[in-house]
Amino acid sequence: MSCSCVADSGKVKSDTMSTSFVFLEGDNTVFTELTYLGSAAVDAPRSEMEITRNMKVLNTQSQMAIPVTLSVPAHSEGIVRLVAFGLF
């Protein structure tokens, strides 16, 4: 399984809450002001320790900060959208 990882403000924060803005848009929860870090293989998707470790590795290897907005549906049949801004 692979996972795309994002972090708020471009840095992994283990001791503070996210500074991104969250709001509802229709049936979706939208997270703004996130930074795309890349993707990584995930063996235990429910392990916060593994996700945090992957985010730290991706954060140190990241060559370019890509601002994104993440839209997550309220139901399993919906589509997760990751929208990048300013790339083109």
Protein backbone atom coordinates (compact mmCIF):
# COMPACT_ATOMS: atom_id res chain seq x y z
CA MET A 1 0.00 0.00 0.00
CA SER A 2 1.28 3.49 -0.72
CA CYS A 3 0.19 6.77 0.74
CA SER A 4 0.64 10.40 -0.23
CA CYS A 5 1.68 12.41 2.80
CA VAL A 6 0.93 16.02 3.55
CA ALA A 7 1.89 18.19 6.50
CA ASP A 8 0.68 21.56 7.65
CA SER A 9 3.02 24.51 7.01
CA GLY A 10 5.55 22.19 5.35
CA LYS A 11 6.96 20.80 8.60
CA VAL A 12 6.04 17.77 10.69
CA LYS A 13 4.78 18.83 14.11
CA SER A 14 4.45 16.10 16.68
CA ASP A 15 3.71 18.31 19.69
CA THR A 16 1.15 20.78 18.28
CA MET A 17 -2.16 20.66 16.50
CA SER A 18 -2.38 21.35 12.78
CA THR A 19 -2.64 24.98 11.73
CA SER A 20 -4.56 24.14 8.55
CA PHE A 21 -8.13 25.29 8.11
CA VAL A 22 -10.91 22.70 7.97
CA PHE A 23 -14.39 23.29 6.62
CA LEU A 24 -17.29 21.36 5.11
CA GLU A 25 -18.15 21.64 1.43
CA GLY A 26 -21.18 19.55 0.58
CA ASP A 27 -20.43 15.98 1.71
CA ASN A 28 -16.66 16.66 1.87
CA THR A 29 -14.35 17.82 4.62
CA VAL A 30 -11.78 20.20 3.14
CA PHE A 31 -8.31 20.77 4.63
CA THR A 32 -6.47 23.87 3.39
CA GLU A 33 -2.94 25.26 3.79
CA LEU A 34 -1.25 21.86 3.57
CA THR A 35 2.07 21.03 1.94
CA TYR A 36 2.53 17.94 -0.25
CA LEU A 37 5.58 15.93 0.85
CA GLY A 38 5.50 13.02 -1.60
CA SER A 39 4.51 9.38 -1.33
CA ALA A 40 5.80 6.38 0.63
CA ALA A 41 4.99 2.70 1.12
CA VAL A 42 2.90 2.12 4.24
CA ASP A 43 2.86 -1.29 5.92
CA ALA A 44 0.65 -0.35 8.89
CA PRO A 45 -1.76 2.45 7.83
CA ARG A 46 -3.21 2.72 11.35
CA SER A 47 0.19 3.16 13.01
CA GLU A 48 0.69 6.82 13.91
CA MET A 49 4.35 6.08 14.65
CA GLU A 50 4.94 4.74 11.10
CA ILE A 51 3.07 7.64 9.48
CA THR A 52 5.03 10.20 11.55
CA ARG A 53 8.32 8.49 10.67
CA ASN A 54 7.44 8.50 6.94
CA MET A 55 6.45 12.18 7.12
CA LYS A 56 9.76 13.09 8.77
CA VAL A 57 11.73 11.23 6.09
CA LEU A 58 9.70 12.82 3.28
CA ASN A 59 10.04 16.25 4.89
CA THR A 60 13.84 16.02 4.96
CA GLN A 61 14.01 14.71 1.38
CA SER A 62 11.54 17.21 -0.08
CA GLN A 63 13.10 19.33 -2.82
CA MET A 64 10.11 21.65 -3.33
CA ALA A 65 7.17 22.66 -1.13
CA ILE A 66 3.89 22.18 -3.00
CA PRO A 67 0.87 23.90 -1.40
CA VAL A 68 -2.25 21.73 -1.62
CA THR A 69 -5.85 21.47 -0.49
CA LEU A 70 -7.21 18.04 0.51
CA SER A 71 -10.89 17.17 0.13
CA VAL A 72 -12.09 13.99 1.89
CA PRO A 73 -15.61 12.59 1.28
CA ALA A 74 -17.93 11.71 4.15
CA HIS A 75 -18.64 8.26 2.66
CA SER A 76 -16.55 5.44 1.19
CA GLU A 77 -17.89 5.84 -2.37
CA GLY A 78 -16.64 9.43 -2.63
CA ILE A 79 -13.44 10.64 -4.26
CA VAL A 80 -10.48 12.00 -2.27
CA ARG A 81 -9.09 15.05 -4.05
CA LEU A 82 -5.63 16.55 -3.63
CA VAL A 83 -5.47 19.90 -5.43
CA ALA A 84 -2.07 21.55 -6.02
CA PHE A 85 -1.81 25.28 -6.67
CA GLY A 86 0.79 27.28 -8.58
CA LEU A 87 2.44 24.41 -10.45
CA PHE A 88 1.55 25.46 -14.00
